[in-house]
Protein backbone atom coordinates (compact mmCIF):
# COMPACT_ATOMS: atom_id res chain seq x y z
CA UNK A 1 90.40 59.99 84.12
CA UNK A 2 87.64 62.25 82.81
CA UNK A 3 85.31 61.23 85.64
CA UNK A 4 88.01 61.97 88.22
CA UNK A 5 88.65 65.34 86.57
CA UNK A 6 84.98 66.33 86.80
CA UNK A 7 84.69 65.15 90.41
CA UNK A 8 87.68 67.25 91.47
CA UNK A 9 86.30 70.31 89.68
CA UNK A 10 82.87 69.97 91.29
CA UNK A 11 84.42 69.36 94.70
CA UNK A 12 86.64 72.44 94.57
CA UNK A 13 84.82 74.77 92.18
CA UNK A 14 81.25 73.54 91.91
CA UNK A 15 78.24 75.62 92.95
CA UNK A 16 78.22 74.35 96.55
CA UNK A 17 81.97 74.87 96.94
CA UNK A 18 81.72 78.36 95.42
CA UNK A 19 78.97 79.34 97.87
CA UNK A 20 81.06 78.23 100.85
CA UNK A 21 84.15 80.01 99.61
CA UNK A 22 82.16 83.18 98.86
CA UNK A 23 80.86 83.32 102.43
CA UNK A 24 84.32 82.53 103.82
CA UNK A 25 85.84 85.33 101.70
CA UNK A 26 83.32 87.84 103.08
CA UNK A 27 84.02 86.74 106.67
CA UNK A 28 87.79 86.95 106.14
CA UNK A 29 87.42 90.38 104.52
CA UNK A 30 85.48 91.73 107.51
CA UNK A 31 87.89 90.17 110.02
CA UNK A 32 90.87 91.39 108.01
CA UNK A 33 89.47 94.93 108.01
CA UNK A 34 89.14 95.04 111.80
CA UNK A 35 92.55 93.40 112.35
CA UNK A 36 94.19 95.91 110.02
CA UNK A 37 92.52 98.92 111.62
CA UNK A 38 93.51 97.46 114.99
CA UNK A 39 97.18 97.49 113.94
CA UNK A 40 96.76 101.10 112.81
CA UNK A 41 95.28 102.07 116.18
CA UNK A 42 98.06 100.30 118.09
CA UNK A 43 100.74 101.93 115.97
CA UNK A 44 99.14 105.38 116.25
CA UNK A 45 98.97 105.17 120.05
CA UNK A 46 102.56 103.93 120.32
CA UNK A 47 101.62 100.51 121.70
CA UNK A 48 103.54 98.90 118.86
CA UNK A 49 105.99 100.28 116.31
CA UNK A 50 105.81 99.21 112.68
CA UNK A 51 108.88 100.38 110.78
CA UNK A 52 110.33 99.90 107.33
CA UNK A 53 108.36 99.87 104.11
CA UNK A 54 105.47 98.08 105.86
CA UNK A 55 104.77 101.32 107.75
CA UNK A 56 102.79 102.53 104.75
CA UNK A 57 100.08 100.02 105.71
CA UNK A 58 99.40 101.87 108.98
CA UNK A 59 99.99 105.43 107.80
CA UNK A 60 96.25 106.20 107.80
CA UNK A 61 92.95 104.54 108.79
CA UNK A 62 92.19 104.43 105.05
CA UNK A 63 95.08 101.98 104.72
CA UNK A 64 92.95 99.40 106.52
CA UNK A 65 90.83 99.10 103.37
CA UNK A 66 93.78 97.46 101.61
CA UNK A 67 93.35 94.14 103.42
CA UNK A 68 89.63 93.46 102.70
CA UNK A 69 90.07 94.50 99.06
CA UNK A 70 93.03 92.12 98.76
CA UNK A 71 90.90 89.26 100.08
CA UNK A 72 88.09 90.11 97.67
CA UNK A 73 90.62 90.18 94.83
CA UNK A 74 91.79 86.69 95.77
CA UNK A 75 88.16 85.54 95.65
CA UNK A 76 87.79 87.11 92.19
CA UNK A 77 90.83 85.13 91.02
CA UNK A 78 89.11 81.96 92.25
CA UNK A 79 86.01 82.99 90.28
CA UNK A 80 88.16 83.52 87.20
CA UNK A 81 89.50 79.97 87.44
CA UNK A 82 85.93 78.66 87.75
CA UNK A 83 85.01 80.30 84.42
CA UNK A 84 87.83 78.65 82.45
CA UNK A 85 85.63 75.70 81.36
CA UNK A 86 82.91 78.09 80.17
CA UNK A 87 84.54 80.15 77.44
CA UNK A 88 87.39 82.51 76.64
CA UNK A 89 85.02 85.48 76.79
CA UNK A 90 83.78 84.62 80.30
CA UNK A 91 87.33 84.21 81.57
CA UNK A 92 88.49 87.47 80.00
CA UNK A 93 85.48 89.27 81.49
CA UNK A 94 86.61 88.18 84.95
CA UNK A 95 90.08 89.46 84.17
CA UNK A 96 88.61 92.93 83.55
CA UNK A 97 86.85 92.76 86.91
CA UNK A 98 90.16 91.94 88.59
CA UNK A 99 91.90 94.79 86.75
CA UNK A 100 89.17 97.18 87.92
CA UNK A 101 89.52 96.08 91.54
CA UNK A 102 93.31 96.34 91.34
CA UNK A 103 92.99 99.97 90.27
CA UNK A 104 90.43 100.65 93.03
CA UNK A 105 92.77 99.16 95.62
CA UNK A 106 95.62 101.33 94.36
CA UNK A 107 93.38 104.39 94.58
CA UNK A 108 92.43 103.62 98.17
CA UNK A 109 96.08 103.13 99.06
CA UNK A 110 97.07 106.38 97.35
CA UNK A 111 94.32 108.35 99.13
CA UNK A 112 96.09 107.71 102.41
CA UNK A 113 99.33 109.12 100.96
CA UNK A 114 98.08 112.23 99.13
CA UNK A 115 99.42 115.46 100.56
CA UNK A 116 97.40 118.66 100.34
CA UNK A 117 98.66 121.67 98.41
CA UNK A 118 97.90 125.35 98.66
CA UNK A 119 95.93 127.43 96.18
CA UNK A 120 95.41 126.10 92.67
CA UNK A 121 98.56 124.02 92.65
CA UNK A 122 98.03 120.30 92.03
CA UNK A 123 100.63 118.01 93.56
CA UNK A 124 102.05 115.09 91.58
CA UNK A 125 100.30 112.61 93.91
CA UNK A 126 96.94 114.27 93.38
CA UNK A 127 97.51 114.49 89.63
CA UNK A 128 98.21 110.77 89.36
CA UNK A 129 95.22 110.03 91.61
CA UNK A 130 93.04 111.81 89.04
CA UNK A 131 94.56 109.65 86.30
CA UNK A 132 93.83 106.49 88.32
CA UNK A 133 90.21 107.56 88.87
CA UNK A 134 89.81 108.16 85.14
CA UNK A 135 91.27 104.72 84.45
CA UNK A 136 88.86 103.18 86.98
CA UNK A 137 85.87 104.79 85.23
CA UNK A 138 87.13 103.53 81.87
CA UNK A 139 87.68 100.01 83.22
CA UNK A 140 84.33 99.95 84.98
CA UNK A 141 82.59 101.05 81.79
CA UNK A 142 84.43 98.51 79.66
CA UNK A 143 83.64 95.70 82.14
CA UNK A 144 79.91 96.47 82.09
CA UNK A 145 79.85 96.94 78.32
CA UNK A 146 81.85 93.75 77.79
CA UNK A 147 79.39 91.62 79.76
CA UNK A 148 76.37 93.23 78.06
CA UNK A 149 77.77 92.34 74.64
CA UNK A 150 78.85 88.88 75.82
CA UNK A 151 75.39 88.08 77.24
CA UNK A 152 73.66 89.15 74.03
CA UNK A 153 75.97 87.02 71.89
CA UNK A 154 75.53 83.87 73.97
CA UNK A 155 73.05 81.34 72.70
CA UNK A 156 72.04 77.92 73.88
CA UNK A 157 72.66 74.77 71.92
CA UNK A 158 73.28 71.05 72.14
CA UNK A 159 76.71 69.90 73.21
CA UNK A 160 78.38 67.53 70.77
CA UNK A 161 80.80 64.80 71.81
CA UNK A 162 83.80 66.84 70.67
CA UNK A 163 82.65 69.88 72.63
CA UNK A 164 82.06 67.73 75.73
CA UNK A 165 85.62 66.45 75.48
CA UNK A 166 86.89 70.01 75.04
CA UNK A 167 85.03 71.09 78.20
CA UNK A 168 86.72 68.27 80.12
CA UNK A 169 90.10 69.40 78.80
CA UNK A 170 89.41 72.92 80.07
CA UNK A 171 88.25 71.54 83.43
CA UNK A 172 91.62 69.81 83.68
CA UNK A 173 93.36 73.14 82.99
CA UNK A 174 91.17 74.81 85.63
CA UNK A 175 92.10 72.14 88.21
CA UNK A 176 95.80 72.70 87.54
CA UNK A 177 95.32 76.47 87.67
CA UNK A 178 93.68 76.11 91.09
CA UNK A 179 96.82 74.35 92.32
CA UNK A 180 98.97 77.09 90.78
CA UNK A 181 96.72 79.69 92.44
CA UNK A 182 97.14 78.16 95.90
CA UNK A 183 100.91 77.67 95.56
CA UNK A 184 101.45 81.18 94.16
CA UNK A 185 99.31 82.75 96.90
CA UNK A 186 101.19 80.88 99.63
CA UNK A 187 104.58 81.75 98.12
CA UNK A 188 103.66 85.43 97.76
CA UNK A 189 102.34 85.66 101.32
CA UNK A 190 105.33 84.02 103.01
CA UNK A 191 107.77 85.95 100.82
CA UNK A 192 106.09 89.18 101.89
CA UNK A 193 106.23 88.14 105.57
CA UNK A 194 109.96 87.47 105.21
CA UNK A 195 110.38 90.86 103.55
CA UNK A 196 108.59 92.57 106.47
CA UNK A 197 110.97 90.91 108.92
CA UNK A 198 113.92 92.28 106.92
CA UNK A 199 112.57 95.83 107.00
CA UNK A 200 110.75 95.69 103.68
CA UNK A 201 107.09 94.80 103.21
CA UNK A 202 106.02 97.31 100.58
CA UNK A 203 102.77 96.28 98.92
CA UNK A 204 101.80 96.63 95.28
CA UNK A 205 99.73 94.87 92.62
CA UNK A 206 102.88 93.02 91.48
CA UNK A 207 102.65 90.75 94.52
CA UNK A 208 100.93 87.48 93.51
CA UNK A 209 99.15 88.91 90.45
CA UNK A 210 102.25 89.20 88.26
CA UNK A 211 103.14 85.53 88.75
CA UNK A 212 99.54 84.34 88.52
CA UNK A 213 98.85 86.16 85.24
CA UNK A 214 102.04 84.67 83.81
CA UNK A 215 100.66 81.18 84.42
CA UNK A 216 97.23 82.30 83.21
CA UNK A 217 98.70 83.36 79.86
CA UNK A 218 100.29 79.93 79.49
CA UNK A 219 96.94 78.30 80.30
CA UNK A 220 95.14 80.49 77.76
CA UNK A 221 97.67 79.60 75.06
CA UNK A 222 97.26 75.89 75.86
CA UNK A 223 93.46 76.16 75.58
CA UNK A 224 93.87 78.10 72.33
CA UNK A 225 96.00 75.33 70.84
CA UNK A 226 93.60 72.60 72.00
CA UNK A 227 90.60 74.50 70.60
CA UNK A 228 92.26 74.56 67.19
CA UNK A 229 91.98 70.76 67.19
CA UNK A 230 88.19 71.13 67.00
CA UNK A 231 87.76 74.43 65.11
CA UNK A 232 90.25 75.37 62.40
CA UNK A 233 88.51 78.41 60.90
CA UNK A 234 90.46 81.65 61.06
CA UNK A 235 87.63 83.57 62.75
CA UNK A 236 87.73 81.51 65.96
CA UNK A 237 91.52 81.48 65.96
CA UNK A 238 91.72 85.28 65.57
CA UNK A 239 89.04 85.82 68.24
CA UNK A 240 90.75 83.64 70.81
CA UNK A 241 94.17 85.03 69.97
CA UNK A 242 92.79 88.52 70.58
CA UNK A 243 91.59 87.47 74.02
CA UNK A 244 95.03 86.02 74.82
CA UNK A 245 96.56 89.32 73.70
CA UNK A 246 94.21 91.14 76.08
CA UNK A 247 95.45 88.95 78.95
CA UNK A 248 99.06 89.69 78.01
CA UNK A 249 98.34 93.43 78.10
CA UNK A 250 96.84 93.12 81.58
CA UNK A 251 99.93 91.25 82.73
CA UNK A 252 102.21 93.97 81.33
CA UNK A 253 100.02 96.62 83.00
CA UNK A 254 100.42 94.88 86.36
CA UNK A 255 104.21 95.06 86.05
CA UNK A 256 104.14 98.68 84.85
CA UNK A 257 104.01 101.85 86.93
CA UNK A 258 102.52 105.30 86.62
CA UNK A 259 100.34 106.45 83.77
CA UNK A 260 101.59 103.65 81.49
CA UNK A 261 99.87 101.04 83.68
CA UNK A 262 96.56 102.90 83.59
CA UNK A 263 96.72 103.24 79.80
CA UNK A 264 97.49 99.54 79.38
CA UNK A 265 94.64 98.46 81.68
CA UNK A 266 92.20 100.58 79.69
CA UNK A 267 93.61 99.36 76.37
CA UNK A 268 93.05 95.75 77.40
CA UNK A 269 89.37 96.42 78.12
CA UNK A 270 88.83 98.33 74.87
CA UNK A 271 90.47 95.50 72.93
CA UNK A 272 88.09 92.96 74.48
CA UNK A 273 85.03 95.06 73.64
CA UNK A 274 86.24 95.56 70.06
CA UNK A 275 86.71 91.81 69.59
CA UNK A 276 83.25 91.01 70.98
CA UNK A 277 81.59 93.62 68.77
CA UNK A 278 83.32 92.23 65.70
CA UNK A 279 82.00 88.73 66.39
CA UNK A 280 78.63 89.69 67.94
CA UNK A 281 76.81 89.03 64.68
CA UNK A 282 78.32 85.58 64.29
CA UNK A 283 75.43 83.29 63.45
CA UNK A 284 77.11 80.12 64.70
CA UNK A 285 75.62 78.88 67.99
CA UNK A 286 77.74 79.47 71.04
CA UNK A 287 77.39 76.95 73.86
CA UNK A 288 78.92 76.36 77.24
CA UNK A 289 82.36 75.02 76.71
CA UNK A 290 82.82 76.07 73.09
CA UNK A 291 86.28 77.27 72.09
CA UNK A 292 85.39 80.96 72.14
């Protein structure tokens, strides 16, 4: 069972598989960009007519950036799943990267919708765009700071039998999360296509990411409970619980709108940094696969 689990993980998420998927994601992003801008050109010249809520995707040539960023976000989700066997901190760090890219994608989408105003008057769209840019800077800073602290606090060490078993348990969770990822992505895509055919087709960060982060929270809680089998001290439990809380905040931010979402995204990053700083001086060795 354990051997099969490791084989599946290496086949789907090992270094060779990751390299192939990375290159494929870049190719799809480039192709998606040109296909999207092609639809914009056809709609602008009247060759085709895209109506309904999906029309926002061809309202401006800047809208064509939405597709490649969406593909890169999907790749980042794959990377997040790959880090599950490493540690809580590595997985949470990837979540901050995804949150940052989600905000960037929203900014790019909003840029194509902003209407100019006269004089010193600032429109509501422009005002919220400024808020989103501030949130992006905060998220970008917290992501970089988070990984700097995480790298400094990581030490090498020997892997005991219990830790090796715990790594295999997390690989099993990662394998299941990959299945969830594929099913959720397929469901979200075909549901959106059906919505387009019915005159809908509006796009937002809720699509796919809301459902995926719901399953991710369940996976994090499962790993937290399993880790308590090996480490019962309150410090590790509080640390891991804090990371789960950070994931929950990101999930709530995804489902929120307006300024509230930007505040929640930033709060999640600040919480992660605070937790890492509190435990940065921990003298216990931290190894790949430990229950951090």
